[in-house]
Amino acid sequence: MVAVPAGAFWRKFLAFSGPGYLVAVGYMDPGNWATGIAGGAGYGYHLLSVILVANLAAMFLQSLAAKLGIVSGLDLAQACRRAWGPRVSFVLWILCEIAIIACDLAELLGAAIALKLLFGLPLVWGVALIGFEVLLLLGLTRHSVRPLEAFIVCLMLVISACFAVELALARPAVGAVLRGFVPSPEIVSDPAMLYIAIGILGATIMPHNLYLHSALVKSRAYERTVQGIRQAIRYSRIDVVVALTLAIFVNGAILILAASAFHGRGMDEVSIEDAYQLLAPALGTGAASTLFAVALLASGQNSSITGTLAGQIVLEGFTDLRIAPWMRQLASRLLAMVPAILAVSIWGESSVTDLLIFSQVVLSLQLPFAVYPLVRLTGNRAWMGRFTNGRLTAVVAWTLTAGLIGLNAYLLISLTR
């Protein structure tokens, strides 16, 4: 447990900082790279508005997840099991595992692509290396969450620094970038653009991150009084906003870089590997490609760690299985590694970008099954007491839930036409 000291704002802020960053890495994982590059290369800056809206929605939902964990003392998986029993929990667990596998598929493939680009390592070997390296890192930090949080923040700073340099080299048109943050009806009317937009949504608001965040906030030793709980909610909300603001920068930078370097130059369909090869000539320096691969490796490494943590939290929370931590982590890791290795072996390395985008669409389709229970529980006075969602929060939460369900339904209908 991380002790929360009395005294100045900054001391308390630093004590509560951490969970938001572990969650934020999921918002800049290789799945975001695939959808961001595809969106920027194919449609210019149009989908920046989707990134902005998705990240604002993520801030709102992650704040609800943190509040649930702080007030109830249970993570979202445990709360679902207690509220609706083992049968409903089993269904929700299976759906969440599908989302985690889809997410981990993207994370492992992304990191493996980076190893291939930097060192020429085959994708299958890269997936295996990253998978077991993550287990080693989690084993070394199992006694305290603080070293892991520090490691995650360092890698996030590496990613941000790489993209700051990339944007400086790309010199995007500021006016066009600003116009991209204004939503366009074309996003919904064009099925191909909608598919990428839904992928961006799934890559940003990851369902398992809601489970993860509701568990991570329990690592803080705050007073279980009304004032202590209110203070914990406040500082956790600040943590989320700061961390996800950094994620907005990275996600936006990926799309802006792709739009400025590739869109309009006859390169409307660009994979991650293509982007690595094309950035150097497009931006006039070989450093652009190297920075791109380094940031991708840091992104895949970061998100693989949090994906494994989410997997073990979901497994234990929904099933109430009490097994050794190393067995939970190994099970979570194998559930992702095996599909990733099979996918590369069966469909080949050329299909990786399509797999990455498809995995993010799967995440979006699974999202309502995490958001609905979260909104329902945080709006229940029996669970939350005086911290139940207020009227405005409830309206926003249920509107967002309905919107997610509607967008996914519209996508399914569009794909079957």
Protein backbone atom coordinates (compact mmCIF):
# COMPACT_ATOMS: atom_id res chain seq x y z
CA MET A 1 0.00 0.00 0.00
CA VAL A 2 1.15 3.54 -0.79
CA ALA A 3 0.81 5.82 2.23
CA VAL A 4 -0.96 9.16 1.68
CA PRO A 5 0.79 11.84 3.74
CA ALA A 6 -0.93 14.74 5.41
CA GLY A 7 0.01 18.26 4.44
CA ALA A 8 0.42 20.13 1.18
CA PHE A 9 -1.50 19.51 -2.04
CA TRP A 10 1.59 18.38 -3.95
CA ARG A 11 2.52 15.68 -1.43
CA LYS A 12 -0.97 14.19 -1.65
CA PHE A 13 -1.06 14.60 -5.43
CA LEU A 14 2.22 12.68 -5.82
CA ALA A 15 0.98 9.95 -3.46
CA PHE A 16 -2.15 9.40 -5.56
CA SER A 17 -0.33 9.76 -8.90
CA GLY A 18 0.42 6.48 -10.63
CA PRO A 19 -2.74 4.47 -11.36
CA GLY A 20 -3.75 6.98 -14.04
CA TYR A 21 -0.45 6.47 -15.86
CA LEU A 22 -0.72 2.68 -15.74
CA VAL A 23 -4.14 3.08 -17.33
CA ALA A 24 -3.01 5.76 -19.80
CA VAL A 25 -0.48 3.47 -21.48
CA GLY A 26 -3.40 1.47 -22.80
CA TYR A 27 -4.54 4.61 -24.61
CA MET A 28 -1.32 4.85 -26.61
CA ASP A 29 -0.66 1.18 -27.35
CA PRO A 30 0.22 -0.29 -30.79
CA GLY A 31 -3.48 -0.64 -31.58
CA ASN A 32 -3.73 3.15 -31.38
CA TRP A 33 -0.74 3.33 -33.70
CA ALA A 34 -2.40 1.12 -36.32
CA THR A 35 -5.70 3.02 -36.26
CA GLY A 36 -3.97 6.41 -36.04
CA ILE A 37 -1.67 5.72 -38.97
CA ALA A 38 -4.52 4.29 -41.05
CA GLY A 39 -6.75 7.25 -40.20
CA GLY A 40 -4.10 9.89 -40.86
CA ALA A 41 -2.78 8.35 -44.09
CA GLY A 42 -6.25 7.63 -45.45
CA TYR A 43 -8.25 10.65 -44.31
CA GLY A 44 -5.82 13.35 -43.28
CA TYR A 45 -6.72 15.21 -40.12
CA HIS A 46 -10.48 14.42 -40.20
CA LEU A 47 -10.36 11.81 -37.44
CA LEU A 48 -8.62 14.03 -34.88
CA SER A 49 -12.09 14.89 -33.59
CA VAL A 50 -12.68 11.19 -32.87
CA ILE A 51 -9.43 11.00 -30.88
CA LEU A 52 -10.40 14.06 -28.84
CA VAL A 53 -13.94 12.85 -28.10
CA ALA A 54 -12.74 9.32 -27.31
CA ASN A 55 -10.12 10.58 -24.85
CA LEU A 56 -12.59 12.91 -23.11
CA ALA A 57 -15.02 10.00 -22.79
CA ALA A 58 -12.14 7.89 -21.44
CA MET A 59 -11.37 10.48 -18.75
CA PHE A 60 -15.00 10.42 -17.67
CA LEU A 61 -15.30 6.62 -17.58
CA GLN A 62 -11.94 6.08 -15.87
CA SER A 63 -12.97 8.57 -13.20
CA LEU A 64 -16.12 6.51 -12.60
CA ALA A 65 -14.05 3.33 -12.38
CA ALA A 66 -11.72 4.92 -9.85
CA LYS A 67 -14.67 6.17 -7.81
CA LEU A 68 -16.19 2.68 -7.72
CA GLY A 69 -12.94 1.17 -6.42
CA ILE A 70 -12.42 3.91 -3.84
CA VAL A 71 -15.94 3.96 -2.44
CA SER A 72 -16.82 0.26 -2.52
CA GLY A 73 -13.35 -1.17 -1.88
CA LEU A 74 -13.99 -3.60 -4.77
CA ASP A 75 -12.73 -3.58 -8.33
CA LEU A 76 -15.28 -3.68 -11.15
CA ALA A 77 -14.96 -7.46 -11.64
CA GLN A 78 -15.50 -8.17 -7.94
CA ALA A 79 -18.42 -5.75 -7.83
CA CYS A 80 -20.08 -7.41 -10.85
CA ARG A 81 -19.74 -10.84 -9.24
CA ARG A 82 -21.24 -9.63 -5.98
CA ALA A 83 -24.05 -7.66 -7.65
CA TRP A 84 -25.21 -10.17 -10.28
CA GLY A 85 -23.93 -13.55 -9.20
CA PRO A 86 -21.69 -16.15 -10.83
CA ARG A 87 -23.72 -16.82 -14.01
CA VAL A 88 -23.80 -13.22 -15.23
CA SER A 89 -20.22 -12.77 -14.03
CA PHE A 90 -19.11 -15.76 -16.09
CA VAL A 91 -20.54 -14.22 -19.27
CA LEU A 92 -18.98 -10.84 -18.49
CA TRP A 93 -15.66 -12.56 -17.72
CA ILE A 94 -15.60 -14.38 -21.08
CA LEU A 95 -16.43 -11.17 -22.94
CA CYS A 96 -13.72 -9.27 -21.04
CA GLU A 97 -11.18 -12.03 -21.74
CA ILE A 98 -11.96 -11.70 -25.46
CA ALA A 99 -11.27 -7.97 -25.18
CA ILE A 100 -8.01 -8.57 -23.29
CA ILE A 101 -6.85 -11.13 -25.85
CA ALA A 102 -7.65 -8.70 -28.68
CA CYS A 103 -5.79 -5.91 -26.89
CA ASP A 104 -2.78 -8.05 -25.97
CA LEU A 105 -2.64 -9.29 -29.55
CA ALA A 106 -2.09 -5.68 -30.64
CA GLU A 107 0.40 -4.94 -27.88
CA LEU A 108 2.55 -8.00 -28.46
CA LEU A 109 2.49 -7.61 -32.24
CA GLY A 110 3.35 -3.92 -31.96
CA ALA A 111 6.35 -4.52 -29.72
CA ALA A 112 7.43 -7.44 -31.92
CA ILE A 113 7.23 -5.21 -35.01
CA ALA A 114 9.49 -2.69 -33.25
CA LEU A 115 12.05 -5.41 -32.46
CA LYS A 116 11.94 -6.52 -36.08
CA LEU A 117 12.44 -2.97 -37.35
CA LEU A 118 15.28 -2.20 -34.95
CA PHE A 119 17.08 -5.56 -34.79
CA GLY A 120 15.66 -7.73 -37.57
CA LEU A 121 14.09 -10.21 -35.11
CA PRO A 122 11.28 -12.35 -36.64
CA LEU A 123 7.81 -11.48 -35.36
CA VAL A 124 7.15 -14.86 -33.75
CA TRP A 125 10.36 -14.63 -31.70
CA GLY A 126 9.59 -11.00 -30.84
CA VAL A 127 6.15 -11.95 -29.48
CA ALA A 128 7.67 -14.67 -27.29
CA LEU A 129 10.48 -12.40 -26.05
CA ILE A 130 8.17 -9.54 -25.08
CA GLY A 131 5.69 -11.92 -23.46
CA PHE A 132 8.17 -13.54 -21.11
CA GLU A 133 10.12 -10.32 -20.51
CA VAL A 134 6.92 -8.76 -19.18
CA LEU A 135 6.51 -11.65 -16.74
CA LEU A 136 10.08 -11.13 -15.53
CA LEU A 137 9.50 -7.41 -14.99
CA LEU A 138 6.26 -8.01 -13.09
CA GLY A 139 8.04 -10.57 -10.94
CA LEU A 140 10.77 -8.10 -10.04
CA THR A 141 8.24 -5.44 -9.00
CA ARG A 142 5.69 -7.69 -7.26
CA HIS A 143 6.41 -6.36 -3.77
CA SER A 144 5.53 -2.73 -4.54
CA VAL A 145 3.53 -0.95 -7.21
CA ARG A 146 5.68 2.19 -7.05
CA PRO A 147 8.71 0.89 -9.05
CA LEU A 148 6.35 -0.35 -11.74
CA GLU A 149 4.59 3.02 -11.89
CA ALA A 150 7.95 4.79 -12.18
CA PHE A 151 9.02 2.47 -15.00
CA ILE A 152 5.76 3.08 -16.86
CA VAL A 153 6.08 6.87 -16.52
CA CYS A 154 9.67 6.77 -17.83
CA LEU A 155 8.60 4.86 -20.94
CA MET A 156 5.70 7.28 -21.46
CA LEU A 157 8.16 10.18 -21.38
CA VAL A 158 10.32 8.38 -23.97
CA ILE A 159 7.29 7.97 -26.25
CA SER A 160 6.26 11.61 -25.82
CA ALA A 161 9.78 12.89 -26.49
CA CYS A 162 10.06 10.81 -29.66
CA PHE A 163 6.81 12.19 -31.03
CA ALA A 164 7.65 15.76 -30.06
CA VAL A 165 10.75 15.46 -32.27
CA GLU A 166 8.76 13.74 -35.05
CA LEU A 167 6.18 16.54 -35.13
CA ALA A 168 8.94 19.15 -35.19
CA LEU A 169 10.40 17.39 -38.25
CA ALA A 170 7.02 16.95 -39.96
CA ARG A 171 5.94 20.60 -39.52
CA PRO A 172 2.18 19.96 -39.99
CA ALA A 173 -0.11 22.79 -41.10
CA VAL A 174 -1.50 24.21 -37.85
CA GLY A 175 -4.74 25.42 -39.44
CA ALA A 176 -5.51 22.01 -40.93
CA VAL A 177 -4.73 20.33 -37.61
CA LEU A 178 -7.13 22.62 -35.72
CA ARG A 179 -9.88 22.02 -38.30
CA GLY A 180 -9.42 18.29 -37.77
CA PHE A 181 -10.67 18.62 -34.18
CA VAL A 182 -14.09 19.74 -35.48
CA PRO A 183 -16.38 16.69 -36.03
CA SER A 184 -17.45 16.02 -39.61
CA PRO A 185 -20.66 14.22 -40.75
CA GLU A 186 -18.50 12.35 -43.25
CA ILE A 187 -17.11 10.25 -40.40
CA VAL A 188 -20.48 8.55 -39.98
CA SER A 189 -21.63 8.59 -43.62
CA ASP A 190 -18.46 6.95 -45.00
CA PRO A 191 -18.41 3.25 -43.91
CA ALA A 192 -14.64 2.93 -44.41
CA MET A 193 -13.94 6.02 -42.31
CA LEU A 194 -16.47 4.87 -39.70
CA TYR A 195 -14.64 1.52 -39.44
CA ILE A 196 -11.39 3.33 -38.62
CA ALA A 197 -13.23 5.70 -36.26
CA ILE A 198 -14.73 2.76 -34.35
CA GLY A 199 -11.25 1.24 -34.24
CA ILE A 200 -9.91 4.48 -32.73
CA LEU A 201 -12.75 4.40 -30.19
CA GLY A 202 -11.97 0.81 -29.19
CA ALA A 203 -8.23 1.51 -29.06
CA THR A 204 -8.83 4.49 -26.78
CA ILE A 205 -11.58 3.43 -24.37
CA MET A 206 -10.41 -0.10 -23.59
CA PRO A 207 -12.89 -2.15 -21.57
CA HIS A 208 -10.29 -3.95 -19.46
CA ASN A 209 -8.75 -0.60 -18.44
CA LEU A 210 -11.92 0.12 -16.49
CA TYR A 211 -11.42 -3.08 -14.50
CA LEU A 212 -7.72 -2.31 -14.06
CA HIS A 213 -8.22 1.23 -12.77
CA SER A 214 -10.89 0.24 -10.26
CA ALA A 215 -8.34 -2.20 -8.77
CA LEU A 216 -5.24 0.03 -8.88
CA VAL A 217 -6.79 2.81 -6.80
CA LYS A 218 -7.08 0.38 -3.90
CA SER A 219 -3.27 0.48 -3.56
CA ARG A 220 -3.51 3.87 -1.78
CA ALA A 221 -3.85 3.93 2.01
CA TYR A 222 -6.41 6.73 2.44
CA GLU A 223 -8.70 7.24 5.43
CA ARG A 224 -12.00 5.38 5.15
CA THR A 225 -13.97 8.43 6.25
CA VAL A 226 -16.29 10.60 4.17
CA GLN A 227 -13.60 13.27 3.94
CA GLY A 228 -10.88 10.72 3.16
CA ILE A 229 -12.94 9.06 0.41
CA ARG A 230 -13.89 12.43 -1.09
CA GLN A 231 -10.23 13.44 -1.12
CA ALA A 232 -9.19 10.16 -2.72
CA ILE A 233 -11.77 10.61 -5.49
CA ARG A 234 -10.57 14.16 -6.10
CA TYR A 235 -6.88 13.29 -6.39
CA SER A 236 -7.58 10.18 -8.48
CA ARG A 237 -9.56 12.34 -10.88
CA ILE A 238 -6.64 14.76 -11.20
CA ASP A 239 -4.32 11.79 -11.80
CA VAL A 240 -6.57 10.56 -14.62
CA VAL A 241 -6.86 13.96 -16.30
CA VAL A 242 -3.10 14.61 -16.25
CA ALA A 243 -2.19 11.12 -17.48
CA LEU A 244 -4.81 10.97 -20.25
CA THR A 245 -3.91 14.47 -21.44
CA LEU A 246 -0.50 13.01 -22.22
CA ALA A 247 -2.27 10.16 -24.03
CA ILE A 248 -4.25 12.67 -26.13
CA PHE A 249 -0.95 14.25 -27.22
CA VAL A 250 0.55 10.91 -28.26
CA ASN A 251 -2.60 9.65 -30.04
CA GLY A 252 -3.04 12.95 -31.83
CA ALA A 253 0.65 13.04 -32.75
CA ILE A 254 0.45 9.59 -34.39
CA LEU A 255 -2.42 10.66 -36.63
CA ILE A 256 -0.96 14.10 -37.35
CA LEU A 257 2.38 12.56 -38.28
CA ALA A 258 0.71 10.10 -40.67
CA ALA A 259 -1.48 12.82 -42.18
CA SER A 260 1.37 15.27 -42.75
CA ALA A 261 3.88 12.68 -44.01
CA PHE A 262 1.69 10.37 -46.11
CA HIS A 263 -1.78 11.72 -46.90
CA GLY A 264 -2.01 13.42 -50.27
CA ARG A 265 1.27 11.89 -51.46
CA GLY A 266 -0.26 8.77 -52.94
CA MET A 267 0.33 6.85 -49.71
CA ASP A 268 -3.21 6.46 -48.39
CA GLU A 269 -2.79 2.87 -47.18
CA VAL A 270 0.21 2.66 -44.88
CA SER A 271 1.04 -0.08 -42.38
CA ILE A 272 3.23 0.42 -39.30
CA GLU A 273 6.18 -1.16 -41.10
CA ASP A 274 5.53 0.99 -44.18
CA ALA A 275 5.48 4.06 -41.96
CA TYR A 276 8.90 3.13 -40.56
CA GLN A 277 10.34 2.76 -44.06
CA LEU A 278 8.69 5.89 -45.48
CA LEU A 279 9.23 8.36 -42.64
CA ALA A 280 12.95 8.85 -43.32
CA PRO A 281 12.53 9.97 -46.96
CA ALA A 282 9.30 11.84 -46.18
CA LEU A 283 10.84 13.89 -43.36
CA GLY A 284 14.37 14.05 -44.76
CA THR A 285 16.25 12.30 -41.95
CA GLY A 286 16.93 8.70 -40.93
CA ALA A 287 16.40 9.65 -37.28
CA ALA A 288 12.65 9.91 -37.95
CA SER A 289 12.36 6.17 -38.60
CA THR A 290 14.55 5.24 -35.62
CA LEU A 291 12.57 7.43 -33.21
CA PHE A 292 9.35 5.92 -34.57
CA ALA A 293 10.54 2.36 -33.84
CA VAL A 294 11.89 3.24 -30.38
CA ALA A 295 8.56 4.84 -29.41
CA LEU A 296 6.69 1.80 -30.76
CA LEU A 297 8.83 -0.57 -28.69
CA ALA A 298 8.24 1.51 -25.54
CA SER A 299 4.52 1.60 -26.30
CA GLY A 300 4.21 -2.15 -26.78
CA GLN A 301 6.30 -2.87 -23.69
CA ASN A 302 4.25 -0.51 -21.54
CA SER A 303 0.84 -1.70 -22.64
CA SER A 304 1.81 -5.38 -22.40
CA ILE A 305 2.58 -4.88 -18.71
CA THR A 306 -0.77 -3.28 -17.95
CA GLY A 307 -2.60 -5.81 -20.13
CA THR A 308 -1.17 -8.64 -18.05
CA LEU A 309 -2.12 -6.86 -14.82
CA ALA A 310 -5.67 -6.36 -16.10
CA GLY A 311 -5.86 -10.02 -17.08
CA GLN A 312 -5.02 -11.28 -13.62
CA ILE A 313 -7.38 -8.75 -11.96
CA VAL A 314 -10.27 -9.81 -14.20
CA LEU A 315 -9.53 -13.53 -13.75
CA GLU A 316 -9.48 -13.32 -9.96
CA GLY A 317 -12.34 -10.83 -9.65
CA PHE A 318 -14.85 -12.65 -11.82
CA THR A 319 -14.00 -16.25 -10.93
CA ASP A 320 -12.87 -15.78 -7.31
CA LEU A 321 -10.01 -18.18 -8.00
CA ARG A 322 -7.23 -17.98 -5.42
CA ILE A 323 -4.03 -19.03 -7.12
CA ALA A 324 -0.41 -17.94 -6.89
CA PRO A 325 0.30 -14.53 -8.49
CA TRP A 326 2.88 -16.01 -10.89
CA MET A 327 0.29 -18.53 -12.12
CA ARG A 328 -2.27 -15.78 -12.72
CA GLN A 329 0.28 -13.73 -14.65
CA LEU A 330 1.42 -16.74 -16.69
CA ALA A 331 -2.18 -17.65 -17.55
CA SER A 332 -2.95 -14.06 -18.58
CA ARG A 333 0.20 -13.87 -20.68
CA LEU A 334 -0.36 -17.20 -22.47
CA LEU A 335 -3.94 -16.23 -23.32
CA ALA A 336 -2.47 -13.38 -25.37
CA MET A 337 0.77 -14.93 -26.62
CA VAL A 338 -0.75 -18.05 -28.13
CA PRO A 339 -3.27 -16.20 -30.38
CA ALA A 340 -0.60 -13.68 -31.42
CA ILE A 341 1.87 -16.41 -32.42
CA LEU A 342 -0.86 -18.38 -34.22
CA ALA A 343 -2.07 -15.28 -36.07
CA VAL A 344 1.41 -14.48 -37.39
CA SER A 345 2.08 -18.12 -38.26
CA ILE A 346 -1.23 -18.63 -40.11
CA TRP A 347 -1.81 -15.30 -41.85
CA GLY A 348 1.78 -14.14 -42.17
CA GLU A 349 3.54 -10.92 -41.26
CA SER A 350 1.89 -8.98 -44.08
CA SER A 351 -1.49 -9.23 -42.33
CA VAL A 352 -0.32 -7.63 -39.07
CA THR A 353 -1.77 -4.14 -39.65
CA ASP A 354 -5.19 -5.53 -40.61
CA LEU A 355 -5.08 -7.71 -37.48
CA LEU A 356 -4.20 -4.70 -35.34
CA ILE A 357 -7.11 -2.61 -36.65
CA PHE A 358 -9.54 -5.54 -36.38
CA SER A 359 -8.47 -6.15 -32.78
CA GLN A 360 -9.37 -2.56 -31.89
CA VAL A 361 -12.81 -2.91 -33.48
CA VAL A 362 -13.32 -6.04 -31.34
CA LEU A 363 -12.43 -3.93 -28.29
CA SER A 364 -15.06 -1.38 -29.23
CA LEU A 365 -17.71 -4.08 -29.64
CA GLN A 366 -16.91 -5.39 -26.15
CA LEU A 367 -16.89 -1.94 -24.56
CA PRO A 368 -20.62 -1.67 -23.68
CA PHE A 369 -20.35 -4.87 -21.60
CA ALA A 370 -17.91 -3.08 -19.28
CA VAL A 371 -19.41 0.41 -19.43
CA TYR A 372 -23.00 -0.62 -18.65
CA PRO A 373 -22.14 -2.43 -15.38
CA LEU A 374 -19.87 0.45 -14.36
CA VAL A 375 -22.55 3.10 -14.94
CA ARG A 376 -25.20 0.94 -13.30
CA LEU A 377 -23.13 0.30 -10.16
CA THR A 378 -21.90 3.87 -9.70
CA GLY A 379 -25.50 5.07 -10.04
CA ASN A 380 -26.75 2.68 -7.35
CA ARG A 381 -27.17 4.30 -3.94
CA ALA A 382 -26.95 0.96 -2.16
CA TRP A 383 -23.41 0.60 -3.52
CA MET A 384 -22.19 4.19 -3.49
CA GLY A 385 -24.17 5.91 -0.73
CA ARG A 386 -23.63 9.66 -0.79
CA PHE A 387 -21.13 9.22 -3.64
CA THR A 388 -23.77 7.98 -6.08
CA ASN A 389 -23.60 9.63 -9.51
CA GLY A 390 -25.34 13.01 -9.53
CA ARG A 391 -28.01 13.85 -12.07
CA LEU A 392 -25.66 15.46 -14.59
CA THR A 393 -23.10 12.65 -14.25
CA ALA A 394 -25.84 10.07 -14.72
CA VAL A 395 -27.16 11.80 -17.85
CA VAL A 396 -23.68 11.97 -19.38
CA ALA A 397 -22.92 8.35 -18.39
CA TRP A 398 -26.10 6.87 -19.83
CA THR A 399 -25.89 9.04 -22.96
CA LEU A 400 -22.33 7.82 -23.49
CA THR A 401 -23.40 4.21 -22.96
CA ALA A 402 -26.24 4.54 -25.45
CA GLY A 403 -23.93 6.24 -27.93
CA LEU A 404 -21.38 3.42 -27.74
CA ILE A 405 -24.07 0.80 -28.26
CA GLY A 406 -25.56 2.78 -31.16
CA LEU A 407 -22.23 3.29 -32.93
CA ASN A 408 -21.33 -0.38 -32.66
CA ALA A 409 -24.76 -1.42 -33.93
CA TYR A 410 -24.46 1.01 -36.85
CA LEU A 411 -21.02 -0.40 -37.69
CA LEU A 412 -22.33 -3.97 -37.71
CA ILE A 413 -25.25 -2.99 -39.94
CA SER A 414 -22.90 -1.11 -42.30
CA LEU A 415 -20.56 -4.10 -42.61
CA THR A 416 -23.40 -6.51 -43.43
CA ARG A 417 -24.84 -4.39 -46.24
